[in-house]
Amino acid sequence: MKAVAQGCLAGVVALVCSGVALGQESKSAPLAQQLAAALDAAKLDSIAAKDPSKPGGYIGALYLPGLQLLTVAAEYSAPQLLDARLVKHEYRDIYIELNSAASPGSQQFVEDLGIDGLKAQREKDGPFDSFEDKGKRTAFNSDWNQQKLSEQEYLKIFAAADARYAEMLTALLGQLKKGS
């Protein structure tokens, strides 16, 4: 009986903790909204920057106003080519290159539907965000079982994805502040 009670208590604690984790505001939310506003003000549909966390790495984003922000980070084998494109503000070309010709195994991709940052919990029947890292895609649709993940694994992936996305957005905002 004591073991059952302890098991129930552990389950309740886990449920309460996960509810807090699922409902908390993401780190990327305010940054995504800032980037969208800055892109609107600059009348841009894309932006790119060097990735400050990875030598030879770049970040590119394609902005579809009111719909989504697609962001990719990857290493590129010929950084001098992307450096030249950055100087010329050829952001869409950089985004395309990072999607198609990035160094194998280095790509991270974020689908931010609604341009409101990553959210661990999907609103009922609403769209959901996703994060792909080195070919492994995680959908933040609140259905970790379907993805063969435990709730803890799902939340751990979400926390890492949200932190990384916040870094990516910060770099892109920095590029816009430089004068796009």
Protein backbone atom coordinates (compact mmCIF):
# COMPACT_ATOMS: atom_id res chain seq x y z
CA MET A 1 0.00 0.00 0.00
CA LYS A 2 2.82 2.36 0.90
CA ALA A 3 4.51 1.66 -2.47
CA VAL A 4 1.24 2.42 -4.31
CA ALA A 5 0.84 5.69 -2.40
CA GLN A 6 4.43 6.70 -3.19
CA GLY A 7 3.89 5.80 -6.85
CA CYS A 8 0.74 7.90 -6.98
CA LEU A 9 2.48 10.81 -5.29
CA ALA A 10 5.38 10.59 -7.75
CA GLY A 11 2.89 10.56 -10.63
CA VAL A 12 1.09 13.64 -9.32
CA VAL A 13 4.41 15.49 -8.80
CA ALA A 14 5.51 14.57 -12.34
CA LEU A 15 2.18 15.71 -13.77
CA VAL A 16 2.31 19.04 -11.93
CA CYS A 17 5.93 19.63 -12.94
CA SER A 18 5.27 18.75 -16.56
CA GLY A 19 2.25 21.04 -16.63
CA VAL A 20 4.43 23.89 -15.45
CA ALA A 21 7.09 23.04 -18.06
CA LEU A 22 4.55 22.68 -20.84
CA GLY A 23 2.80 25.93 -19.98
CA GLN A 24 5.76 28.21 -19.38
CA GLU A 25 6.71 30.95 -21.82
CA SER A 26 9.51 30.03 -24.15
CA LYS A 27 12.81 31.92 -24.39
CA SER A 28 12.31 32.27 -28.13
CA ALA A 29 8.81 33.83 -28.02
CA PRO A 30 9.74 37.49 -27.45
CA LEU A 31 12.71 37.22 -29.83
CA ALA A 32 10.57 35.78 -32.65
CA GLN A 33 8.09 38.61 -32.23
CA GLN A 34 10.91 41.20 -32.22
CA LEU A 35 12.42 39.71 -35.36
CA ALA A 36 9.07 39.69 -37.16
CA ALA A 37 8.49 43.34 -36.27
CA ALA A 38 12.01 44.28 -37.38
CA LEU A 39 11.63 42.40 -40.67
CA ASP A 40 8.29 44.13 -41.27
CA ALA A 41 9.84 47.53 -40.55
CA ALA A 42 12.77 46.81 -42.88
CA LYS A 43 10.41 45.37 -45.52
CA LEU A 44 12.44 42.14 -45.67
CA ASP A 45 11.26 38.57 -46.17
CA SER A 46 14.57 36.98 -45.20
CA ILE A 47 17.62 37.59 -43.06
CA ALA A 48 20.92 35.81 -42.48
CA ALA A 49 23.90 36.12 -40.18
CA LYS A 50 27.07 34.37 -39.09
CA ASP A 51 26.46 31.89 -36.30
CA PRO A 52 28.43 33.23 -33.31
CA SER A 53 28.35 29.82 -31.63
CA LYS A 54 29.90 27.86 -34.52
CA PRO A 55 32.94 28.80 -36.61
CA GLY A 56 32.02 28.45 -40.28
CA GLY A 57 28.36 28.43 -39.30
CA TYR A 58 25.56 30.61 -40.61
CA ILE A 59 21.91 31.20 -39.83
CA GLY A 60 19.23 32.07 -42.34
CA ALA A 61 15.53 32.75 -41.98
CA LEU A 62 12.65 32.99 -44.38
CA TYR A 63 9.78 35.11 -43.11
CA LEU A 64 6.21 34.60 -44.24
CA PRO A 65 4.36 37.49 -42.52
CA GLY A 66 1.55 36.35 -40.25
CA LEU A 67 2.23 32.68 -41.01
CA GLN A 68 5.64 31.33 -40.11
CA LEU A 69 9.32 31.85 -39.68
CA LEU A 70 11.53 29.12 -41.12
CA THR A 71 15.03 29.26 -39.68
CA VAL A 72 18.06 27.17 -40.55
CA ALA A 73 21.52 27.04 -39.01
CA ALA A 74 24.36 25.07 -40.53
CA GLU A 75 28.05 25.00 -41.27
CA TYR A 76 29.06 25.78 -44.82
CA SER A 77 32.12 24.38 -46.55
CA ALA A 78 32.94 27.59 -48.42
CA PRO A 79 32.33 30.36 -45.87
CA GLN A 80 33.94 33.02 -48.07
CA LEU A 81 31.03 32.63 -50.51
CA LEU A 82 28.43 33.24 -47.81
CA ASP A 83 30.49 36.09 -46.35
CA ALA A 84 30.33 37.82 -49.74
CA ARG A 85 26.57 37.27 -49.88
CA LEU A 86 26.17 38.69 -46.37
CA VAL A 87 27.97 41.88 -47.43
CA LYS A 88 25.60 42.19 -50.41
CA HIS A 89 22.55 41.47 -48.19
CA GLU A 90 21.64 38.41 -50.28
CA TYR A 91 19.84 36.84 -47.36
CA ARG A 92 17.40 34.68 -49.28
CA ASP A 93 20.27 33.14 -51.24
CA ILE A 94 22.06 32.31 -47.99
CA TYR A 95 18.89 30.71 -46.61
CA ILE A 96 18.58 28.58 -49.76
CA GLU A 97 22.25 27.55 -49.63
CA LEU A 98 21.98 26.53 -45.99
CA ASN A 99 18.95 24.39 -46.80
CA SER A 100 20.46 22.70 -49.82
CA ALA A 101 24.26 22.66 -49.56
CA ALA A 102 25.15 22.76 -45.89
CA SER A 103 27.91 20.57 -44.53
CA PRO A 104 26.42 17.13 -43.86
CA GLY A 105 25.21 16.58 -40.33
CA SER A 106 25.46 20.21 -39.28
CA GLN A 107 21.97 21.47 -40.08
CA GLN A 108 19.36 22.59 -37.57
CA PHE A 109 15.93 23.66 -38.81
CA VAL A 110 13.08 25.39 -36.98
CA GLU A 111 9.49 25.73 -38.14
CA ASP A 112 7.88 28.46 -36.04
CA LEU A 113 4.24 28.46 -37.06
CA GLY A 114 2.57 31.65 -35.93
CA ILE A 115 5.92 33.40 -35.40
CA ASP A 116 5.44 33.23 -31.66
CA GLY A 117 8.48 31.24 -30.62
CA LEU A 118 8.61 27.55 -29.90
CA LYS A 119 5.88 26.10 -27.71
CA ALA A 120 6.05 22.69 -26.08
CA GLN A 121 2.29 22.37 -25.85
CA ARG A 122 0.08 22.47 -28.91
CA GLU A 123 -3.17 24.37 -28.67
CA LYS A 124 -6.17 22.19 -29.43
CA ASP A 125 -6.33 21.55 -33.19
CA GLY A 126 -3.79 24.33 -33.71
CA PRO A 127 -0.57 24.23 -35.68
CA PHE A 128 2.58 23.09 -33.96
CA ASP A 129 6.24 23.99 -34.17
CA SER A 130 9.08 21.62 -34.93
CA PHE A 131 12.83 21.40 -34.58
CA GLU A 132 15.17 19.26 -36.65
CA ASP A 133 18.72 18.63 -35.54
CA LYS A 134 21.09 16.59 -37.71
CA GLY A 135 18.20 14.84 -39.45
CA LYS A 136 16.11 14.06 -36.34
CA ARG A 137 12.84 15.99 -36.35
CA THR A 138 10.80 16.59 -33.22
CA ALA A 139 7.26 17.90 -33.57
CA PHE A 140 6.13 19.95 -30.58
CA ASN A 141 2.58 18.65 -30.86
CA SER A 142 2.23 17.43 -27.24
CA ASP A 143 2.27 13.82 -28.47
CA TRP A 144 5.61 12.50 -27.28
CA ASN A 145 4.34 8.91 -27.30
CA GLN A 146 3.75 9.02 -31.07
CA GLN A 147 7.38 10.11 -31.46
CA LYS A 148 8.56 7.26 -29.23
CA LEU A 149 9.71 9.68 -26.53
CA SER A 150 9.03 9.89 -22.84
CA GLU A 151 7.56 13.14 -21.58
CA GLN A 152 10.91 13.94 -19.93
CA GLU A 153 12.81 13.35 -23.19
CA TYR A 154 10.29 15.48 -25.08
CA LEU A 155 10.66 18.35 -22.59
CA LYS A 156 14.46 18.05 -22.62
CA ILE A 157 14.50 18.26 -26.43
CA PHE A 158 12.10 21.20 -26.28
CA ALA A 159 14.26 23.10 -23.77
CA ALA A 160 17.40 22.58 -25.87
CA ALA A 161 15.57 23.52 -29.10
CA ASP A 162 14.06 26.64 -27.55
CA ALA A 163 17.45 27.76 -26.20
CA ARG A 164 19.11 27.15 -29.58
CA TYR A 165 16.32 28.94 -31.44
CA ALA A 166 16.70 31.91 -29.08
CA GLU A 167 20.44 32.01 -29.94
CA MET A 168 19.62 31.90 -33.64
CA LEU A 169 17.05 34.70 -33.37
CA THR A 170 19.46 36.84 -31.35
CA ALA A 171 22.10 36.54 -34.09
CA LEU A 172 19.56 37.46 -36.77
CA LEU A 173 18.36 40.47 -34.78
CA GLY A 174 21.99 41.53 -34.41
CA GLN A 175 22.42 41.43 -38.17
CA LEU A 176 19.33 43.59 -38.66
CA LYS A 177 20.62 46.10 -36.12
CA LYS A 178 23.89 46.35 -38.05
CA GLY A 179 21.85 47.88 -40.84
CA SER A 180 20.73 44.77 -42.72
